[in-house]
Amino acid sequence: MKDAIQVMGMVLKVSSCGEADRRLVLLTRERGKITVFARGAKRPKSPLMGVSRTFAFGTFRLFEGRDAYSLEGAQISNYFEEIAQDMEAACYGSYFLELADYYGRENLDGSQLLKLLYQSLRALLKPAIPNRLVRRIMELRAMVINGEYWESPGRTVSDGTSYAWEYVVTSPIETLYRFTLKEEVLEEFSGCVEAHMARHVNQRFHSLDVLETI
């Protein structure tokens, strides 16, 4: 049997597989988006039960198979439990996982997308930053990482929107969530990002449908 490998990542999706197993989709720094089976994770006393849930971020020990990986164990550094306690934040967070799943690719460097996802979830826990702004920053920078963006909003906008756009496109991911916008600027910035999303992303996300109902 091959030796276990270690990857840093976050659980994007969890589904049942048989009576006792779970199928996970992880976004990892080292190997991009991968499928992982957690054998026996649904059993009450399984050590894999707690680590095989969405939002779990940490280091995962895996055995590599032909088409997928098997989870041997994990050390989780952040479960983002506070997000689950707030319905609106949970909807935004779930959308961010869906967006990362959409953009993630197997066997490609996932470090930038993983870092963006982690920082975006942390930003949802900051009361000073509106969740709507967190969403638009996440969307725009995800498009930048995937090479699907324009260097400017593509229309005539206010100086505030132009500055915000340039800041999100060019700044280090660790510093993205250090500003806020006046309401009218946020509306304009959101409209520009929405237009680019409509142009580049051909998918409807379930979490957004839920978010619109609350």
N, C-alpha and C. Protein backbone atom coordinates (compact mmCIF):
# COMPACT_ATOMS: atom_id res chain seq x y z
N MET A 1 0.85 -1.20 0.00
CA MET A 1 0.00 0.00 0.00
C MET A 1 0.88 1.25 0.00
N LYS A 2 0.48 2.24 -0.76
CA LYS A 2 1.22 3.48 -0.81
C LYS A 2 1.14 4.20 0.54
N ASP A 3 2.16 5.01 0.80
CA ASP A 3 2.15 5.81 2.01
C ASP A 3 1.08 6.90 1.90
N ALA A 4 0.57 7.32 3.06
CA ALA A 4 -0.41 8.40 3.08
C ALA A 4 0.26 9.72 2.67
N ILE A 5 -0.52 10.57 2.01
CA ILE A 5 -0.04 11.90 1.67
C ILE A 5 -0.81 12.91 2.52
N GLN A 6 -0.26 14.09 2.68
CA GLN A 6 -0.93 15.16 3.42
C GLN A 6 -1.21 16.33 2.50
N VAL A 7 -2.43 16.84 2.59
CA VAL A 7 -2.82 18.02 1.82
C VAL A 7 -3.53 18.99 2.74
N MET A 8 -3.38 20.27 2.44
CA MET A 8 -4.16 21.29 3.15
C MET A 8 -5.37 21.63 2.31
N GLY A 9 -6.54 21.67 2.92
CA GLY A 9 -7.72 21.96 2.13
C GLY A 9 -8.96 22.20 2.95
N MET A 10 -10.08 22.30 2.23
CA MET A 10 -11.39 22.53 2.84
C MET A 10 -12.42 21.63 2.18
N VAL A 11 -13.35 21.14 2.98
CA VAL A 11 -14.42 20.29 2.46
C VAL A 11 -15.48 21.17 1.81
N LEU A 12 -15.70 20.96 0.52
CA LEU A 12 -16.69 21.74 -0.23
C LEU A 12 -18.06 21.08 -0.26
N LYS A 13 -18.07 19.74 -0.39
CA LYS A 13 -19.32 19.00 -0.52
C LYS A 13 -19.23 17.68 0.23
N VAL A 14 -20.37 17.24 0.75
CA VAL A 14 -20.45 15.96 1.43
C VAL A 14 -21.71 15.25 0.96
N SER A 15 -21.60 13.98 0.63
CA SER A 15 -22.77 13.19 0.26
C SER A 15 -22.61 11.78 0.82
N SER A 16 -23.74 11.10 1.00
CA SER A 16 -23.71 9.73 1.50
C SER A 16 -23.26 8.79 0.40
N CYS A 17 -22.58 7.73 0.81
CA CYS A 17 -22.11 6.71 -0.13
C CYS A 17 -22.26 5.36 0.56
N GLY A 18 -23.30 4.63 0.22
CA GLY A 18 -23.56 3.37 0.89
C GLY A 18 -24.12 3.61 2.29
N GLU A 19 -24.09 2.58 3.11
CA GLU A 19 -24.69 2.66 4.45
C GLU A 19 -23.82 3.41 5.45
N ALA A 20 -22.50 3.39 5.27
CA ALA A 20 -21.63 3.92 6.31
C ALA A 20 -20.61 4.95 5.83
N ASP A 21 -20.47 5.12 4.51
CA ASP A 21 -19.39 5.97 3.99
C ASP A 21 -19.91 7.34 3.57
N ARG A 22 -18.98 8.26 3.43
CA ARG A 22 -19.27 9.58 2.89
C ARG A 22 -18.33 9.87 1.74
N ARG A 23 -18.86 10.57 0.77
CA ARG A 23 -18.05 11.03 -0.37
C ARG A 23 -17.85 12.53 -0.21
N LEU A 24 -16.60 12.95 -0.19
CA LEU A 24 -16.25 14.35 0.02
C LEU A 24 -15.64 14.94 -1.25
N VAL A 25 -15.88 16.22 -1.45
CA VAL A 25 -15.13 16.98 -2.45
C VAL A 25 -14.31 18.00 -1.68
N LEU A 26 -13.00 17.93 -1.85
CA LEU A 26 -12.08 18.83 -1.17
C LEU A 26 -11.42 19.77 -2.17
N LEU A 27 -11.25 21.02 -1.77
CA LEU A 27 -10.38 21.93 -2.50
C LEU A 27 -9.07 21.96 -1.74
N THR A 28 -8.00 21.53 -2.39
CA THR A 28 -6.71 21.43 -1.71
C THR A 28 -5.68 22.38 -2.33
N ARG A 29 -4.74 22.77 -1.52
CA ARG A 29 -3.67 23.63 -1.99
C ARG A 29 -2.78 22.91 -2.99
N GLU A 30 -2.49 21.65 -2.72
CA GLU A 30 -1.49 20.92 -3.50
C GLU A 30 -2.05 20.27 -4.76
N ARG A 31 -3.31 19.81 -4.73
CA ARG A 31 -3.83 19.01 -5.85
C ARG A 31 -5.16 19.52 -6.39
N GLY A 32 -5.50 20.74 -6.07
CA GLY A 32 -6.74 21.30 -6.57
C GLY A 32 -7.96 20.60 -5.97
N LYS A 33 -9.00 20.45 -6.77
CA LYS A 33 -10.25 19.83 -6.31
C LYS A 33 -10.17 18.32 -6.48
N ILE A 34 -10.41 17.59 -5.41
CA ILE A 34 -10.30 16.13 -5.47
C ILE A 34 -11.50 15.48 -4.79
N THR A 35 -11.76 14.23 -5.17
CA THR A 35 -12.81 13.42 -4.55
C THR A 35 -12.18 12.49 -3.52
N VAL A 36 -12.76 12.46 -2.33
CA VAL A 36 -12.22 11.67 -1.23
C VAL A 36 -13.34 10.86 -0.59
N PHE A 37 -13.09 9.59 -0.34
CA PHE A 37 -14.06 8.74 0.35
C PHE A 37 -13.65 8.57 1.81
N ALA A 38 -14.59 8.85 2.70
CA ALA A 38 -14.37 8.68 4.13
C ALA A 38 -15.09 7.40 4.55
N ARG A 39 -14.35 6.31 4.64
CA ARG A 39 -14.93 5.00 4.92
C ARG A 39 -15.41 4.93 6.37
N GLY A 40 -16.66 4.57 6.53
CA GLY A 40 -17.23 4.42 7.87
C GLY A 40 -17.52 5.71 8.59
N ALA A 41 -17.48 6.84 7.89
CA ALA A 41 -17.63 8.14 8.53
C ALA A 41 -19.03 8.38 9.11
N LYS A 42 -20.03 7.62 8.65
CA LYS A 42 -21.39 7.80 9.17
C LYS A 42 -21.63 7.02 10.45
N ARG A 43 -20.70 6.17 10.84
CA ARG A 43 -20.86 5.43 12.08
C ARG A 43 -20.63 6.36 13.27
N PRO A 44 -21.45 6.28 14.31
CA PRO A 44 -21.41 7.23 15.43
C PRO A 44 -20.04 7.40 16.07
N LYS A 45 -19.26 6.36 16.18
CA LYS A 45 -17.98 6.45 16.88
C LYS A 45 -16.79 6.60 15.92
N SER A 46 -17.06 6.84 14.67
CA SER A 46 -15.98 6.98 13.71
C SER A 46 -15.20 8.28 13.94
N PRO A 47 -13.88 8.22 13.96
CA PRO A 47 -13.07 9.44 14.08
C PRO A 47 -13.16 10.34 12.84
N LEU A 48 -13.73 9.80 11.77
CA LEU A 48 -13.87 10.59 10.54
C LEU A 48 -15.19 11.35 10.47
N MET A 49 -16.09 11.09 11.40
CA MET A 49 -17.41 11.73 11.34
C MET A 49 -17.29 13.25 11.44
N GLY A 50 -16.56 13.72 12.44
CA GLY A 50 -16.47 15.16 12.68
C GLY A 50 -15.69 15.91 11.63
N VAL A 51 -14.72 15.26 11.01
CA VAL A 51 -13.85 15.97 10.06
C VAL A 51 -14.41 15.94 8.64
N SER A 52 -15.41 15.12 8.40
CA SER A 52 -15.96 15.00 7.04
C SER A 52 -17.27 15.77 6.94
N ARG A 53 -17.16 17.08 7.12
CA ARG A 53 -18.32 17.95 6.99
C ARG A 53 -17.91 19.24 6.30
N THR A 54 -18.86 19.89 5.66
CA THR A 54 -18.55 21.10 4.90
C THR A 54 -17.97 22.18 5.80
N PHE A 55 -17.15 23.01 5.22
CA PHE A 55 -16.43 24.11 5.86
C PHE A 55 -15.21 23.66 6.66
N ALA A 56 -15.04 22.36 6.91
CA ALA A 56 -13.89 21.91 7.68
C ALA A 56 -12.60 22.24 6.93
N PHE A 57 -11.71 22.96 7.59
CA PHE A 57 -10.45 23.38 6.98
C PHE A 57 -9.29 22.88 7.81
N GLY A 58 -8.32 22.28 7.15
CA GLY A 58 -7.16 21.80 7.88
C GLY A 58 -6.28 20.93 7.01
N THR A 59 -5.58 20.02 7.66
CA THR A 59 -4.67 19.10 6.98
C THR A 59 -5.30 17.71 6.95
N PHE A 60 -5.39 17.14 5.76
CA PHE A 60 -6.04 15.84 5.56
C PHE A 60 -4.99 14.81 5.16
N ARG A 61 -5.06 13.64 5.78
CA ARG A 61 -4.17 12.53 5.43
C ARG A 61 -4.94 11.56 4.54
N LEU A 62 -4.40 11.32 3.36
CA LEU A 62 -5.12 10.57 2.33
C LEU A 62 -4.27 9.43 1.78
N PHE A 63 -4.97 8.39 1.35
CA PHE A 63 -4.37 7.35 0.53
C PHE A 63 -4.87 7.55 -0.90
N GLU A 64 -3.95 7.54 -1.84
CA GLU A 64 -4.30 7.81 -3.23
C GLU A 64 -4.68 6.53 -3.95
N GLY A 65 -5.88 6.55 -4.58
CA GLY A 65 -6.33 5.45 -5.39
C GLY A 65 -6.28 5.80 -6.86
N ARG A 66 -6.82 4.93 -7.70
CA ARG A 66 -6.78 5.16 -9.15
C ARG A 66 -7.62 6.35 -9.55
N ASP A 67 -8.85 6.44 -9.01
CA ASP A 67 -9.77 7.50 -9.43
C ASP A 67 -10.15 8.44 -8.29
N ALA A 68 -9.77 8.12 -7.07
CA ALA A 68 -10.16 8.94 -5.93
C ALA A 68 -9.20 8.68 -4.78
N TYR A 69 -9.44 9.35 -3.68
CA TYR A 69 -8.61 9.21 -2.49
C TYR A 69 -9.47 8.65 -1.35
N SER A 70 -8.79 8.06 -0.37
CA SER A 70 -9.44 7.59 0.85
C SER A 70 -8.91 8.40 2.02
N LEU A 71 -9.81 8.82 2.89
CA LEU A 71 -9.44 9.63 4.03
C LEU A 71 -8.96 8.75 5.18
N GLU A 72 -7.73 8.99 5.61
CA GLU A 72 -7.18 8.23 6.73
C GLU A 72 -7.34 8.99 8.04
N GLY A 73 -7.32 10.31 7.98
CA GLY A 73 -7.49 11.14 9.17
C GLY A 73 -7.32 12.60 8.80
N ALA A 74 -7.54 13.48 9.76
CA ALA A 74 -7.41 14.91 9.50
C ALA A 74 -7.19 15.67 10.80
N GLN A 75 -6.52 16.79 10.67
CA GLN A 75 -6.38 17.72 11.78
C GLN A 75 -7.01 19.02 11.34
N ILE A 76 -8.18 19.33 11.89
CA ILE A 76 -8.96 20.49 11.47
C ILE A 76 -8.61 21.69 12.33
N SER A 77 -8.27 22.78 11.68
CA SER A 77 -7.93 24.01 12.40
C SER A 77 -9.08 24.99 12.48
N ASN A 78 -10.09 24.83 11.61
CA ASN A 78 -11.24 25.74 11.64
C ASN A 78 -12.45 25.04 11.03
N TYR A 79 -13.52 24.97 11.82
CA TYR A 79 -14.77 24.40 11.33
C TYR A 79 -15.76 25.49 10.87
N PHE A 80 -15.44 26.75 11.14
CA PHE A 80 -16.33 27.86 10.82
C PHE A 80 -17.72 27.64 11.41
N GLU A 81 -17.78 27.21 12.65
CA GLU A 81 -19.05 26.92 13.29
C GLU A 81 -19.91 28.17 13.47
N GLU A 82 -19.26 29.34 13.61
CA GLU A 82 -20.04 30.58 13.79
C GLU A 82 -20.89 30.88 12.56
N ILE A 83 -20.40 30.51 11.39
CA ILE A 83 -21.17 30.75 10.17
C ILE A 83 -22.46 29.95 10.18
N ALA A 84 -22.39 28.71 10.63
CA ALA A 84 -23.58 27.86 10.65
C ALA A 84 -24.65 28.38 11.60
N GLN A 85 -24.27 29.21 12.54
CA GLN A 85 -25.22 29.73 13.52
C GLN A 85 -25.97 30.96 13.03
N ASP A 86 -25.63 31.48 11.88
CA ASP A 86 -26.27 32.66 11.29
C ASP A 86 -26.79 32.26 9.91
N MET A 87 -28.11 32.31 9.73
CA MET A 87 -28.70 31.79 8.49
C MET A 87 -28.19 32.53 7.26
N GLU A 88 -28.11 33.84 7.33
CA GLU A 88 -27.64 34.60 6.17
C GLU A 88 -26.19 34.29 5.87
N ALA A 89 -25.35 34.29 6.90
CA ALA A 89 -23.94 33.97 6.70
C ALA A 89 -23.77 32.55 6.17
N ALA A 90 -24.61 31.63 6.66
CA ALA A 90 -24.53 30.24 6.20
C ALA A 90 -24.87 30.14 4.72
N CYS A 91 -25.83 30.92 4.26
CA CYS A 91 -26.18 30.91 2.83
C CYS A 91 -25.05 31.48 1.99
N TYR A 92 -24.48 32.59 2.45
CA TYR A 92 -23.33 33.15 1.72
C TYR A 92 -22.17 32.17 1.73
N GLY A 93 -21.89 31.58 2.89
CA GLY A 93 -20.80 30.62 2.98
C GLY A 93 -21.00 29.43 2.08
N SER A 94 -22.22 28.92 2.03
CA SER A 94 -22.52 27.78 1.15
C SER A 94 -22.34 28.17 -0.32
N TYR A 95 -22.70 29.40 -0.64
CA TYR A 95 -22.49 29.88 -2.01
C TYR A 95 -21.00 29.94 -2.34
N PHE A 96 -20.19 30.38 -1.38
CA PHE A 96 -18.75 30.44 -1.63
C PHE A 96 -18.18 29.04 -1.88
N LEU A 97 -18.70 28.05 -1.14
CA LEU A 97 -18.26 26.67 -1.39
C LEU A 97 -18.67 26.22 -2.79
N GLU A 98 -19.89 26.56 -3.20
CA GLU A 98 -20.34 26.20 -4.54
C GLU A 98 -19.50 26.87 -5.61
N LEU A 99 -19.15 28.14 -5.38
CA LEU A 99 -18.34 28.87 -6.35
C LEU A 99 -16.94 28.26 -6.45
N ALA A 100 -16.37 27.89 -5.31
CA ALA A 100 -15.05 27.24 -5.32
C ALA A 100 -15.12 25.88 -6.01
N ASP A 101 -16.22 25.17 -5.83
CA ASP A 101 -16.41 23.89 -6.51
C ASP A 101 -16.50 24.10 -8.02
N TYR A 102 -17.17 25.17 -8.43
CA TYR A 102 -17.31 25.49 -9.85
C TYR A 102 -15.95 25.79 -10.49
N TYR A 103 -15.13 26.56 -9.80
CA TYR A 103 -13.85 26.98 -10.36
C TYR A 103 -12.71 25.98 -10.11
N GLY A 104 -12.86 25.12 -9.11
CA GLY A 104 -11.78 24.19 -8.78
C GLY A 104 -11.54 23.17 -9.88
N ARG A 105 -10.29 22.81 -10.07
CA ARG A 105 -9.90 21.83 -11.08
C ARG A 105 -8.93 20.84 -10.46
N GLU A 106 -9.06 19.58 -10.85
CA GLU A 106 -8.18 18.54 -10.31
C GLU A 106 -6.77 18.67 -10.88
N ASN A 107 -5.80 18.40 -10.00
CA ASN A 107 -4.38 18.37 -10.36
C ASN A 107 -3.85 19.72 -10.82
N LEU A 108 -4.52 20.79 -10.44
CA LEU A 108 -4.02 22.14 -10.68
C LEU A 108 -3.79 22.81 -9.34
N ASP A 109 -2.86 23.74 -9.30
CA ASP A 109 -2.56 24.47 -8.08
C ASP A 109 -3.83 25.14 -7.55
N GLY A 110 -4.24 24.75 -6.35
CA GLY A 110 -5.45 25.33 -5.77
C GLY A 110 -5.17 26.33 -4.68
N SER A 111 -3.93 26.77 -4.54
CA SER A 111 -3.55 27.60 -3.40
C SER A 111 -4.26 28.95 -3.39
N GLN A 112 -4.36 29.61 -4.54
CA GLN A 112 -4.98 30.94 -4.57
C GLN A 112 -6.48 30.86 -4.31
N LEU A 113 -7.14 29.90 -4.92
CA LEU A 113 -8.58 29.77 -4.73
C LEU A 113 -8.89 29.34 -3.29
N LEU A 114 -8.09 28.46 -2.73
CA LEU A 114 -8.29 28.04 -1.35
C LEU A 114 -8.07 29.20 -0.39
N LYS A 115 -7.05 29.98 -0.63
CA LYS A 115 -6.79 31.15 0.22
C LYS A 115 -7.93 32.15 0.13
N LEU A 116 -8.45 32.37 -1.08
CA LEU A 116 -9.58 33.28 -1.26
C LEU A 116 -10.81 32.77 -0.52
N LEU A 117 -11.08 31.49 -0.63
CA LEU A 117 -12.23 30.91 0.05
C LEU A 117 -12.10 31.09 1.56
N TYR A 118 -10.95 30.78 2.08
CA TYR A 118 -10.73 30.88 3.53
C TYR A 118 -10.90 32.32 4.02
N GLN A 119 -10.29 33.26 3.33
CA GLN A 119 -10.38 34.66 3.74
C GLN A 119 -11.80 35.20 3.58
N SER A 120 -12.51 34.73 2.58
CA SER A 120 -13.89 35.18 2.37
C SER A 120 -14.81 34.68 3.48
N LEU A 121 -14.62 33.45 3.91
CA LEU A 121 -15.41 32.93 5.02
C LEU A 121 -15.10 33.67 6.31
N ARG A 122 -13.86 33.99 6.52
CA ARG A 122 -13.49 34.78 7.70
C ARG A 122 -14.14 36.16 7.66
N ALA A 123 -14.23 36.73 6.46
CA ALA A 123 -14.82 38.07 6.32
C ALA A 123 -16.31 38.07 6.67
N LEU A 124 -16.98 36.94 6.46
CA LEU A 124 -18.40 36.85 6.82
C LEU A 124 -18.61 37.01 8.32
N LEU A 125 -17.56 36.80 9.10
CA LEU A 125 -17.65 36.91 10.56
C LEU A 125 -17.30 38.30 11.06
N LYS A 126 -17.04 39.23 10.14
CA LYS A 126 -16.69 40.60 10.51
C LYS A 126 -17.92 41.50 10.34
N PRO A 127 -18.52 41.95 11.42
CA PRO A 127 -19.73 42.78 11.31
C PRO A 127 -19.53 44.08 10.54
N ALA A 128 -18.31 44.59 10.49
CA ALA A 128 -18.06 45.88 9.84
C ALA A 128 -18.14 45.80 8.32
N ILE A 129 -18.05 44.59 7.77
CA ILE A 129 -18.08 44.42 6.31
C ILE A 129 -19.40 43.79 5.90
N PRO A 130 -20.22 44.46 5.09
CA PRO A 130 -21.49 43.87 4.66
C PRO A 130 -21.27 42.57 3.90
N ASN A 131 -22.12 41.60 4.14
CA ASN A 131 -22.00 40.32 3.44
C ASN A 131 -22.14 40.49 1.93
N ARG A 132 -22.93 41.46 1.52
CA ARG A 132 -23.09 41.70 0.08
C ARG A 132 -21.76 42.10 -0.55
N LEU A 133 -20.96 42.89 0.17
CA LEU A 133 -19.66 43.30 -0.34
C LEU A 133 -18.70 42.12 -0.34
N VAL A 134 -18.74 41.31 0.71
CA VAL A 134 -17.90 40.11 0.75
C VAL A 134 -18.17 39.23 -0.46
N ARG A 135 -19.45 39.06 -0.77
CA ARG A 135 -19.82 38.24 -1.93
C ARG A 135 -19.21 38.78 -3.22
N ARG A 136 -19.33 40.09 -3.44
CA ARG A 136 -18.85 40.65 -4.71
C ARG A 136 -17.33 40.61 -4.81
N ILE A 137 -16.66 40.80 -3.69
CA ILE A 137 -15.20 40.69 -3.70
C ILE A 137 -14.79 39.26 -4.02
N MET A 138 -15.45 38.30 -3.38
CA MET A 138 -15.16 36.88 -3.64
C MET A 138 -15.38 36.54 -5.11
N GLU A 139 -16.49 37.00 -5.67
CA GLU A 139 -16.80 36.69 -7.07
C GLU A 139 -15.76 37.28 -8.02
N LEU A 140 -15.46 38.56 -7.82
CA LEU A 140 -14.53 39.23 -8.73
C LEU A 140 -13.15 38.59 -8.66
N ARG A 141 -12.66 38.33 -7.44
CA ARG A 141 -11.32 37.77 -7.34
C ARG A 141 -11.28 36.32 -7.84
N ALA A 142 -12.37 35.58 -7.68
CA ALA A 142 -12.42 34.22 -8.24
C ALA A 142 -12.31 34.26 -9.76
N MET A 143 -12.96 35.25 -10.37
CA MET A 143 -12.83 35.39 -11.82
C MET A 143 -11.41 35.77 -12.21
N VAL A 144 -10.78 36.62 -11.40
CA VAL A 144 -9.39 37.01 -11.67
C VAL A 144 -8.49 35.78 -11.63
N ILE A 145 -8.65 34.95 -10.60
CA ILE A 145 -7.83 33.74 -10.47
C ILE A 145 -8.01 32.83 -11.68
N ASN A 146 -9.23 32.78 -12.19
CA ASN A 146 -9.51 31.91 -13.33
C ASN A 146 -9.24 32.58 -14.68
N GLY A 147 -8.76 33.82 -14.66
CA GLY A 147 -8.44 34.52 -15.89
C GLY A 147 -9.64 35.09 -16.62
N GLU A 148 -10.77 35.23 -15.94
CA GLU A 148 -11.99 35.72 -16.57
C GLU A 148 -12.39 37.06 -15.97
N TYR A 149 -11.72 38.12 -16.42
CA TYR A 149 -12.08 39.43 -15.90
C TYR A 149 -11.52 40.50 -16.82
N TRP A 150 -12.04 41.71 -16.64
CA TRP A 150 -11.46 42.87 -17.30
C TRP A 150 -10.72 43.68 -16.24
N GLU A 151 -9.72 44.43 -16.67
CA GLU A 151 -8.95 45.23 -15.72
C GLU A 151 -9.75 46.41 -15.18
N SER A 152 -10.84 46.75 -15.83
CA SER A 152 -11.71 47.83 -15.37
C SER A 152 -13.14 47.33 -15.40
N PRO A 153 -14.06 48.03 -14.76
CA PRO A 153 -15.45 47.57 -14.73
C PRO A 153 -16.11 47.46 -16.10
N GLY A 154 -15.55 48.10 -17.12
CA GLY A 154 -16.11 47.96 -18.46
C GLY A 154 -17.23 48.94 -18.77
N ARG A 155 -17.43 49.89 -17.88
CA ARG A 155 -18.44 50.93 -18.10
C ARG A 155 -18.00 52.17 -17.32
N THR A 156 -18.64 53.28 -17.58
CA THR A 156 -18.34 54.51 -16.85
C THR A 156 -18.90 54.40 -15.44
N VAL A 157 -18.02 54.54 -14.45
CA VAL A 157 -18.43 54.39 -13.05
C VAL A 157 -17.80 55.50 -12.23
N SER A 158 -18.22 55.60 -10.98
CA SER A 158 -17.68 56.59 -10.06
C SER A 158 -16.24 56.24 -9.69
N ASP A 159 -15.53 57.23 -9.15
CA ASP A 159 -14.16 56.99 -8.72
C ASP A 159 -14.10 55.91 -7.65
N GLY A 160 -15.10 55.88 -6.76
CA GLY A 160 -15.11 54.90 -5.69
C GLY A 160 -15.20 53.48 -6.22
N THR A 161 -16.05 53.27 -7.20
CA THR A 161 -16.18 51.94 -7.80
C THR A 161 -14.93 51.55 -8.57
N SER A 162 -14.37 52.51 -9.29
CA SER A 162 -13.15 52.24 -10.05
C SER A 162 -12.01 51.86 -9.12
N TYR A 163 -11.89 52.55 -7.99
CA TYR A 163 -10.83 52.24 -7.04
C TYR A 163 -11.06 50.87 -6.42
N ALA A 164 -12.30 50.58 -6.04
CA ALA A 164 -12.60 49.29 -5.42
C ALA A 164 -12.29 48.15 -6.38
N TRP A 165 -12.64 48.32 -7.63
CA TRP A 165 -12.38 47.29 -8.65
C TRP A 165 -10.88 47.02 -8.77
N GLU A 166 -10.10 48.08 -8.90
CA GLU A 166 -8.65 47.93 -9.02
C GLU A 166 -8.05 47.28 -7.78
N TYR A 167 -8.56 47.67 -6.62
CA TYR A 167 -8.04 47.12 -5.36
C TYR A 167 -8.29 45.61 -5.29
N VAL A 168 -9.49 45.18 -5.63
CA VAL A 168 -9.82 43.75 -5.56
C VAL A 168 -9.02 42.95 -6.58
N VAL A 169 -8.81 43.51 -7.75
CA VAL A 169 -8.09 42.80 -8.81
C VAL A 169 -6.60 42.64 -8.49
N THR A 170 -6.01 43.64 -7.83
CA THR A 170 -4.56 43.67 -7.71
C THR A 170 -4.00 43.39 -6.32
N SER A 171 -4.79 43.52 -5.29
CA SER A 171 -4.27 43.42 -3.93
C SER A 171 -4.00 41.98 -3.51
N PRO A 172 -3.08 41.76 -2.58
CA PRO A 172 -2.91 40.41 -2.02
C PRO A 172 -4.21 39.93 -1.39
N ILE A 173 -4.47 38.65 -1.50
CA ILE A 173 -5.74 38.11 -1.01
C ILE A 173 -5.91 38.37 0.49
N GLU A 174 -4.81 38.37 1.23
CA GLU A 174 -4.89 38.57 2.67
C GLU A 174 -5.42 39.96 3.04
N THR A 175 -5.34 40.92 2.13
CA THR A 175 -5.76 42.29 2.44
C THR A 175 -7.06 42.69 1.73
N LEU A 176 -7.73 41.75 1.10
CA LEU A 176 -8.91 42.10 0.30
C LEU A 176 -10.03 42.71 1.13
N TYR A 177 -10.22 42.22 2.34
CA TYR A 177 -11.40 42.61 3.12
C TYR A 177 -11.06 43.65 4.17
N ARG A 178 -10.42 44.71 3.72
CA ARG A 178 -10.03 45.79 4.62
C ARG A 178 -10.65 47.12 4.22
N PHE A 179 -11.74 47.07 3.50
CA PHE A 179 -12.42 48.32 3.13
C PHE A 179 -13.92 48.08 3.08
N THR A 180 -14.65 49.15 3.11
CA THR A 180 -16.09 49.08 2.91
C THR A 180 -16.48 50.20 1.95
N LEU A 181 -17.72 50.21 1.51
CA LEU A 181 -18.17 51.18 0.51
C LEU A 181 -19.47 51.84 0.96
N LYS A 182 -19.65 53.06 0.55
CA LYS A 182 -20.95 53.70 0.75
C LYS A 182 -22.00 52.94 -0.05
N GLU A 183 -23.24 53.06 0.39
CA GLU A 183 -24.31 52.26 -0.20
C GLU A 183 -24.41 52.44 -1.70
N GLU A 184 -24.33 53.69 -2.18
CA GLU A 184 -24.49 53.93 -3.62
C GLU A 184 -23.32 53.35 -4.40
N VAL A 185 -22.12 53.39 -3.82
CA VAL A 185 -20.95 52.81 -4.48
C VAL A 185 -21.03 51.29 -4.47
N LEU A 186 -21.50 50.74 -3.36
CA LEU A 186 -21.67 49.28 -3.27
C LEU A 186 -22.66 48.79 -4.32
N GLU A 187 -23.74 49.52 -4.52
CA GLU A 187 -24.73 49.14 -5.54
C GLU A 187 -24.10 49.16 -6.93
N GLU A 188 -23.32 50.18 -7.21
CA GLU A 188 -22.69 50.29 -8.53
C GLU A 188 -21.64 49.20 -8.71
N PHE A 189 -20.81 48.99 -7.70
CA PHE A 189 -19.78 47.94 -7.75
C PHE A 189 -20.43 46.57 -7.94
N SER A 190 -21.50 46.31 -7.20
CA SER A 190 -22.20 45.03 -7.30
C SER A 190 -22.76 44.81 -8.70
N GLY A 191 -23.31 45.87 -9.28
CA GLY A 191 -23.85 45.75 -10.64
C GLY A 191 -22.78 45.39 -11.65
N CYS A 192 -21.59 45.96 -11.50
CA CYS A 192 -20.49 45.66 -12.43
C CYS A 192 -20.04 44.21 -12.29
N VAL A 193 -19.89 43.75 -11.04
CA VAL A 193 -19.47 42.37 -10.83
C VAL A 193 -20.55 41.41 -11.34
N GLU A 194 -21.81 41.75 -11.08
CA GLU A 194 -22.92 40.90 -11.54
C GLU A 194 -22.90 40.76 -13.06
N ALA A 195 -22.61 41.84 -13.76
CA ALA A 195 -22.57 41.79 -15.22
C ALA A 195 -21.46 40.86 -15.71
N HIS A 196 -20.32 40.89 -15.04
CA HIS A 196 -19.22 40.01 -15.42
C HIS A 196 -19.54 38.55 -15.08
N MET A 197 -20.18 38.33 -13.95
CA MET A 197 -20.58 36.97 -13.58
C MET A 197 -21.54 36.40 -14.61
N ALA A 198 -22.49 37.21 -15.05
CA ALA A 198 -23.47 36.76 -16.04
C ALA A 198 -22.79 36.41 -17.36
N ARG A 199 -21.71 37.11 -17.66
CA ARG A 199 -21.00 36.89 -18.91
C ARG A 199 -20.12 35.63 -18.86
N HIS A 200 -19.52 35.37 -17.69
CA HIS A 200 -18.50 34.33 -17.61
C HIS A 200 -18.94 33.05 -16.92
N VAL A 201 -19.95 33.11 -16.07
CA VAL A 201 -20.34 31.93 -15.28
C VAL A 201 -21.69 31.42 -15.75
N ASN A 202 -21.69 30.26 -16.35
CA ASN A 202 -22.91 29.69 -16.92
C ASN A 202 -23.48 28.64 -15.96
N GLN A 203 -23.85 29.09 -14.79
CA GLN A 203 -24.42 28.17 -13.80
C GLN A 203 -25.24 28.94 -12.78
N ARG A 204 -26.34 28.33 -12.36
CA ARG A 204 -27.13 28.90 -11.28
C ARG A 204 -26.80 28.15 -10.00
N PHE A 205 -26.60 28.87 -8.91
CA PHE A 205 -26.17 28.27 -7.67
C PHE A 205 -27.34 28.18 -6.69
N HIS A 206 -27.54 27.00 -6.15
CA HIS A 206 -28.67 26.74 -5.26
C HIS A 206 -28.66 27.67 -4.05
N SER A 207 -27.49 27.94 -3.50
CA SER A 207 -27.41 28.78 -2.31
C SER A 207 -27.91 30.20 -2.57
N LEU A 208 -27.73 30.71 -3.78
CA LEU A 208 -28.24 32.03 -4.11
C LEU A 208 -29.76 32.04 -4.15
N ASP A 209 -30.35 30.96 -4.64
CA ASP A 209 -31.81 30.87 -4.63
C ASP A 209 -32.35 30.91 -3.20
N VAL A 210 -31.69 30.22 -2.30
CA VAL A 210 -32.10 30.24 -0.90
C VAL A 210 -31.89 31.61 -0.30
N LEU A 211 -30.77 32.25 -0.63
CA LEU A 211 -30.45 33.56 -0.07
C LEU A 211 -31.50 34.60 -0.47
N GLU A 212 -32.03 34.50 -1.66
CA GLU A 212 -33.02 35.47 -2.12
C GLU A 212 -34.36 35.35 -1.41
N THR A 213 -34.57 34.24 -0.70
CA THR A 213 -35.84 34.05 -0.01
C THR A 213 -35.80 34.51 1.45
N ILE A 214 -34.62 34.87 1.95
CA ILE A 214 -34.54 35.28 3.36
C ILE A 214 -34.38 36.77 3.49
